[in-house]
């Protein structure tokens, strides 16, 4: 029983971090129709800035600078994508792959084989809940994600920006006629995705992981199945998909001995297996809406 509860807590904690990343994928897709494959390298940029700045600026100051840097990177990318906006959704998506290669190459060169600490205030502290031992970072990630997701949902539901994004994703032409400035909406969406990625990077590099590595950005790819299986473009789907991915990954890792016949790396591929099964059964995702066919 205690093992199952431990897996549940770890799964919810990881799912909350994946939710921050998956919301970034969803925001960008909802705003511009593109899939941002550079999201992982933007996440790595945020983590790198925290790692190199936490000593001179303190953790909080480094996190603020990292969030601003990731937001700026996302904004610059959005400005570049404007030039190919009329070429359909495939062109900007392919362009993000090129941006990812350039940014990831430079960050990998700077980080090298080093494992960088991020100076987070939780360190290696653990919390004992009866027979269960939980890293303080896991609890902090869950609380932080709930707060940030709550703020985002409130902004998405009750601000003019959220209304403009929802209107533009349904009917861009009608939204433009009503005065919605798509460029500004897109910039805010890309910047918000960058900020969420920077925060997620902190928890991906914190204990119990050893620190920030040049491969940390690849973990963001585990959040992509969460966005897809929830329904790419669906905010609620991104949250639901992230929790499913987090729980699946934690269960695969927790029951690795019982599932050893399926291979030692089951936890790493489990999110993609779930995504494939869901997409086969429901191509639009769990909460995604079917697109109407115009004839």
Protein backbone atom coordinates (compact mmCIF):
# COMPACT_ATOMS: atom_id res chain seq x y z
CA UNK A 1 0.00 0.00 0.00
CA UNK A 2 2.79 2.39 0.94
CA UNK A 3 4.58 1.65 -2.35
CA UNK A 4 1.45 2.46 -4.33
CA UNK A 5 1.01 5.72 -2.42
CA UNK A 6 4.66 6.59 -3.01
CA UNK A 7 4.18 6.00 -6.74
CA UNK A 8 1.02 8.11 -6.71
CA UNK A 9 2.77 11.09 -5.09
CA UNK A 10 5.79 10.84 -7.39
CA UNK A 11 3.50 10.52 -10.40
CA UNK A 12 1.47 13.58 -9.45
CA UNK A 13 4.65 15.58 -8.82
CA UNK A 14 6.17 14.65 -12.18
CA UNK A 15 2.82 15.16 -13.87
CA UNK A 16 2.65 18.68 -12.47
CA UNK A 17 6.04 19.51 -13.99
CA UNK A 18 5.01 17.98 -17.30
CA UNK A 19 1.87 20.12 -17.14
CA UNK A 20 3.98 23.29 -17.19
CA UNK A 21 5.80 22.04 -20.28
CA UNK A 22 2.71 20.66 -22.02
CA UNK A 23 0.91 23.97 -21.51
CA UNK A 24 3.74 25.58 -23.46
CA UNK A 25 3.19 23.22 -26.39
CA UNK A 26 -0.56 23.81 -26.20
CA UNK A 27 -0.30 27.60 -25.97
CA UNK A 28 1.93 27.89 -29.01
CA UNK A 29 -0.21 25.52 -31.05
CA UNK A 30 -3.40 27.30 -30.04
CA UNK A 31 -1.97 30.72 -30.85
CA UNK A 32 -0.09 30.04 -34.08
CA UNK A 33 -1.05 26.51 -35.17
CA UNK A 34 2.62 25.44 -35.05
CA UNK A 35 4.22 22.71 -32.96
CA UNK A 36 7.23 24.21 -31.20
CA UNK A 37 9.94 21.54 -31.28
CA UNK A 38 12.39 24.11 -29.89
CA UNK A 39 10.55 24.06 -26.57
CA UNK A 40 13.08 21.64 -25.07
CA UNK A 41 16.04 23.86 -25.89
CA UNK A 42 14.21 26.92 -24.50
CA UNK A 43 13.66 24.92 -21.31
CA UNK A 44 17.36 24.06 -21.22
CA UNK A 45 18.21 27.75 -21.67
CA UNK A 46 16.14 28.64 -18.62
CA UNK A 47 17.81 25.94 -16.54
CA UNK A 48 21.26 27.00 -17.72
CA UNK A 49 20.66 30.63 -16.75
CA UNK A 50 19.58 29.58 -13.25
CA UNK A 51 22.65 27.34 -12.94
CA UNK A 52 25.16 30.08 -13.86
CA UNK A 53 23.43 32.98 -12.10
CA UNK A 54 22.22 31.52 -8.79
CA UNK A 55 25.53 32.30 -7.02
CA UNK A 56 25.82 36.01 -7.91
CA UNK A 57 22.08 36.75 -7.92
CA UNK A 58 20.64 34.18 -5.53
CA UNK A 59 18.15 31.53 -6.55
CA UNK A 60 15.14 33.85 -6.76
CA UNK A 61 17.01 36.46 -8.80
CA UNK A 62 18.43 33.83 -11.13
CA UNK A 63 14.98 32.35 -11.66
CA UNK A 64 13.56 35.77 -12.59
CA UNK A 65 16.36 36.35 -15.11
CA UNK A 66 15.95 32.81 -16.48
CA UNK A 67 12.22 33.28 -16.92
CA UNK A 68 12.84 36.58 -18.74
CA UNK A 69 15.54 34.97 -20.90
CA UNK A 70 13.32 32.03 -21.87
CA UNK A 71 10.43 34.38 -22.59
CA UNK A 72 12.69 36.52 -24.78
CA UNK A 73 13.92 33.46 -26.66
CA UNK A 74 10.34 32.43 -27.31
CA UNK A 75 9.44 35.96 -28.47
CA UNK A 76 12.38 36.06 -30.88
CA UNK A 77 11.32 32.72 -32.27
CA UNK A 78 7.77 33.96 -32.71
CA UNK A 79 9.05 37.01 -34.60
CA UNK A 80 11.04 34.77 -36.94
CA UNK A 81 8.00 32.56 -37.55
CA UNK A 82 5.95 35.57 -38.61
CA UNK A 83 7.83 35.60 -41.89
CA UNK A 84 6.52 32.16 -42.83
CA UNK A 85 3.05 32.50 -41.37
CA UNK A 86 1.39 32.45 -44.77
CA UNK A 87 3.08 29.18 -45.76
CA UNK A 88 0.80 26.97 -43.67
CA UNK A 89 1.48 25.24 -40.35
CA UNK A 90 4.21 22.90 -41.62
CA UNK A 91 6.75 25.65 -42.41
CA UNK A 92 6.87 27.24 -38.93
CA UNK A 93 6.96 23.80 -37.31
CA UNK A 94 9.97 22.81 -39.43
CA UNK A 95 11.59 26.15 -38.64
CA UNK A 96 11.35 25.44 -34.91
CA UNK A 97 13.41 22.27 -35.50
CA UNK A 98 16.18 24.42 -36.99
CA UNK A 99 16.01 26.85 -34.06
CA UNK A 100 16.18 23.89 -31.67
CA UNK A 101 19.31 22.50 -33.33
CA UNK A 102 21.12 25.86 -33.18
CA UNK A 103 20.17 26.66 -29.58
CA UNK A 104 20.75 23.12 -28.31
CA UNK A 105 24.16 22.94 -29.98
CA UNK A 106 25.33 26.15 -28.31
CA UNK A 107 23.97 25.19 -24.88
CA UNK A 108 25.48 21.69 -25.13
CA UNK A 109 28.84 23.28 -25.97
CA UNK A 110 28.65 25.49 -22.90
CA UNK A 111 27.47 22.79 -20.51
CA UNK A 112 29.60 19.98 -21.94
CA UNK A 113 29.75 16.91 -19.70
CA UNK A 114 29.32 18.99 -16.55
CA UNK A 115 26.42 18.45 -14.16
CA UNK A 116 25.44 21.91 -12.97
CA UNK A 117 23.72 22.66 -9.68
CA UNK A 118 20.89 25.18 -9.66
CA UNK A 119 21.11 26.30 -6.02
CA UNK A 120 17.47 25.59 -5.24
CA UNK A 121 16.44 26.18 -1.60
CA UNK A 122 15.07 22.66 -1.10
CA UNK A 123 18.37 20.86 -1.70
CA UNK A 124 18.23 17.18 -0.75
CA UNK A 125 15.61 17.65 1.97
CA UNK A 126 13.00 14.93 2.32
CA UNK A 127 9.59 14.89 3.99
CA UNK A 128 8.40 11.84 5.90
CA UNK A 129 4.70 11.07 5.62
CA UNK A 130 4.31 7.95 7.70
CA UNK A 131 6.12 5.17 5.85
CA UNK A 132 6.52 7.35 2.77
CA UNK A 133 9.56 9.48 2.05
CA UNK A 134 9.06 12.29 -0.44
CA UNK A 135 11.67 14.74 -1.70
CA UNK A 136 10.82 18.29 -0.67
CA UNK A 137 11.38 19.30 -4.29
CA UNK A 138 8.51 17.05 -5.36
CA UNK A 139 6.12 18.80 -2.98
CA UNK A 140 7.40 22.21 -4.04
CA UNK A 141 6.91 21.33 -7.72
CA UNK A 142 3.35 20.22 -7.08
CA UNK A 143 2.47 23.39 -5.15
CA UNK A 144 4.22 25.67 -7.67
CA UNK A 145 2.54 23.98 -10.63
CA UNK A 146 -0.91 24.26 -9.03
CA UNK A 147 -0.38 27.99 -8.41
CA UNK A 148 0.97 28.72 -11.89
CA UNK A 149 -1.63 26.61 -13.66
CA UNK A 150 -4.36 28.27 -11.59
CA UNK A 151 -3.09 31.74 -12.54
CA UNK A 152 -2.87 30.72 -16.17
CA UNK A 153 -6.39 29.28 -16.24
CA UNK A 154 -7.73 32.45 -14.62
CA UNK A 155 -5.97 34.60 -17.22
CA UNK A 156 -7.10 32.31 -20.02
CA UNK A 157 -10.70 32.47 -18.82
CA UNK A 158 -11.17 36.06 -17.67
CA UNK A 159 -8.67 38.34 -19.42
CA UNK A 160 -8.94 39.99 -22.82
CA UNK A 161 -5.84 38.07 -23.92
CA UNK A 162 -7.46 34.74 -23.09
CA UNK A 163 -10.66 35.72 -24.86
CA UNK A 164 -8.68 36.87 -27.90
CA UNK A 165 -6.74 33.62 -28.04
CA UNK A 166 -9.86 31.50 -27.76
CA UNK A 167 -11.60 33.54 -30.43
CA UNK A 168 -8.60 33.44 -32.75
CA UNK A 169 -8.20 29.69 -32.45
CA UNK A 170 -11.87 29.15 -33.42
CA UNK A 171 -12.12 31.65 -36.29
CA UNK A 172 -9.04 33.82 -37.00
CA UNK A 173 -10.74 35.88 -39.71
CA UNK A 174 -13.74 36.76 -37.57
CA UNK A 175 -11.49 37.54 -34.62
CA UNK A 176 -9.40 39.90 -36.78
CA UNK A 177 -12.55 41.68 -37.93
CA UNK A 178 -13.51 42.16 -34.28
CA UNK A 179 -10.18 43.87 -33.59
CA UNK A 180 -8.14 40.98 -32.20
CA UNK A 181 -4.43 41.65 -32.81
CA UNK A 182 -3.12 38.18 -33.58
CA UNK A 183 0.52 39.25 -33.47
CA UNK A 184 0.30 40.51 -29.89
CA UNK A 185 -1.67 37.45 -28.79
CA UNK A 186 0.96 35.16 -30.29
CA UNK A 187 3.84 37.03 -28.65
CA UNK A 188 2.24 36.75 -25.22
CA UNK A 189 1.55 33.05 -25.79
CA UNK A 190 5.15 32.31 -26.80
CA UNK A 191 6.54 34.36 -23.91
CA UNK A 192 4.27 32.61 -21.40
CA UNK A 193 5.36 29.24 -22.74
CA UNK A 194 8.99 30.28 -22.23
CA UNK A 195 8.39 31.33 -18.61
CA UNK A 196 6.63 28.06 -17.80
CA UNK A 197 9.50 26.13 -19.39
CA UNK A 198 12.08 27.95 -17.24
CA UNK A 199 10.20 27.08 -14.06
CA UNK A 200 9.85 23.45 -15.16
CA UNK A 201 13.60 23.29 -15.82
CA UNK A 202 14.31 24.06 -12.16
CA UNK A 203 12.32 21.07 -10.94
CA UNK A 204 13.69 18.77 -13.64
CA UNK A 205 17.25 19.56 -12.52
CA UNK A 206 16.60 19.58 -8.76
CA UNK A 207 16.92 16.67 -6.32
CA UNK A 208 16.55 13.69 -6.68
CA UNK A 209 18.17 14.25 -10.09
CA UNK A 210 21.90 15.13 -9.87
CA UNK A 211 21.56 18.51 -11.60
CA UNK A 212 21.31 20.20 -14.98
CA UNK A 213 22.87 18.32 -17.90
CA UNK A 214 22.96 18.99 -21.61
CA UNK A 215 20.32 16.25 -21.98
CA UNK A 216 17.84 17.86 -19.56
CA UNK A 217 16.00 19.55 -22.41
CA UNK A 218 15.19 16.15 -23.89
CA UNK A 219 12.94 15.46 -20.90
CA UNK A 220 10.60 18.07 -22.34
CA UNK A 221 9.83 15.59 -25.09
CA UNK A 222 8.08 13.43 -22.46
CA UNK A 223 5.58 16.26 -22.07
CA UNK A 224 4.83 16.28 -25.79
CA UNK A 225 2.92 12.96 -25.58
CA UNK A 226 0.97 14.53 -22.70
CA UNK A 227 -0.14 17.40 -24.93
CA UNK A 228 -0.95 15.06 -27.81
CA UNK A 229 -2.91 12.44 -25.90
CA UNK A 230 -4.87 15.15 -24.09
CA UNK A 231 -5.64 16.84 -27.40
CA UNK A 232 -3.09 19.25 -28.86
CA UNK A 233 -4.60 22.70 -28.51
CA UNK A 234 -6.77 21.74 -25.52
CA UNK A 235 -5.67 23.34 -22.25
CA UNK A 236 -7.67 20.89 -20.15
CA UNK A 237 -6.33 18.04 -22.26
CA UNK A 238 -2.75 19.14 -21.61
CA UNK A 239 -3.33 19.02 -17.86
CA UNK A 240 -5.08 15.65 -17.97
CA UNK A 241 -2.49 14.19 -20.32
CA UNK A 242 0.37 15.40 -18.10
CA UNK A 243 -1.07 13.68 -15.04
CA UNK A 244 -1.57 10.46 -17.01
CA UNK A 245 1.99 10.57 -18.31
CA UNK A 246 3.42 11.33 -14.87
CA UNK A 247 1.49 8.50 -13.22
CA UNK A 248 2.34 6.08 -16.01
CA UNK A 249 6.04 6.90 -15.82
CA UNK A 250 6.08 6.62 -12.01
CA UNK A 251 4.21 3.30 -12.11
CA UNK A 252 6.57 1.87 -14.73
CA UNK A 253 9.57 2.90 -12.62
CA UNK A 254 8.03 1.71 -9.34
CA UNK A 255 7.08 -1.71 -10.67
CA UNK A 256 10.18 -2.14 -12.82
CA UNK A 257 11.11 -5.44 -11.15
CA UNK A 258 7.69 -6.94 -11.81
CA UNK A 259 7.79 -5.69 -15.40
CA UNK A 260 11.42 -6.56 -16.13
CA UNK A 261 10.37 -8.85 -18.98
CA UNK A 262 9.34 -5.73 -20.89
CA UNK A 263 12.82 -4.19 -20.63
CA UNK A 264 14.80 -2.02 -18.24
CA UNK A 265 13.92 1.29 -19.90
CA UNK A 266 10.15 0.90 -19.72
CA UNK A 267 9.65 4.12 -17.73
CA UNK A 268 11.29 6.15 -20.50
CA UNK A 269 9.10 4.80 -23.30
CA UNK A 270 5.87 4.38 -21.30
CA UNK A 271 4.55 7.91 -22.11
CA UNK A 272 4.93 7.25 -25.83
CA UNK A 273 3.21 3.87 -25.56
CA UNK A 274 0.25 5.51 -23.84
CA UNK A 275 0.19 8.26 -26.47
CA UNK A 276 0.13 5.75 -29.33
CA UNK A 277 -2.69 3.74 -27.76
CA UNK A 278 -4.79 6.84 -27.09
CA UNK A 279 -4.22 8.34 -30.54
CA UNK A 280 -5.15 5.04 -32.23
CA UNK A 281 -8.42 4.91 -30.28
CA UNK A 282 -9.12 8.65 -30.36
CA UNK A 283 -7.02 10.59 -32.91
CA UNK A 284 -8.10 14.01 -31.64
CA UNK A 285 -6.97 13.19 -28.09
CA UNK A 286 -8.93 12.67 -24.89
CA UNK A 287 -10.37 16.19 -24.73
CA UNK A 288 -9.63 17.40 -28.24
CA UNK A 289 -12.49 18.33 -30.53
CA UNK A 290 -12.92 16.89 -33.98
CA UNK A 291 -12.21 19.39 -36.70
CA UNK A 292 -15.17 19.87 -39.04
CA UNK A 293 -14.64 18.87 -42.64
CA UNK A 294 -15.60 21.64 -45.04
CA UNK A 295 -17.00 20.58 -48.37
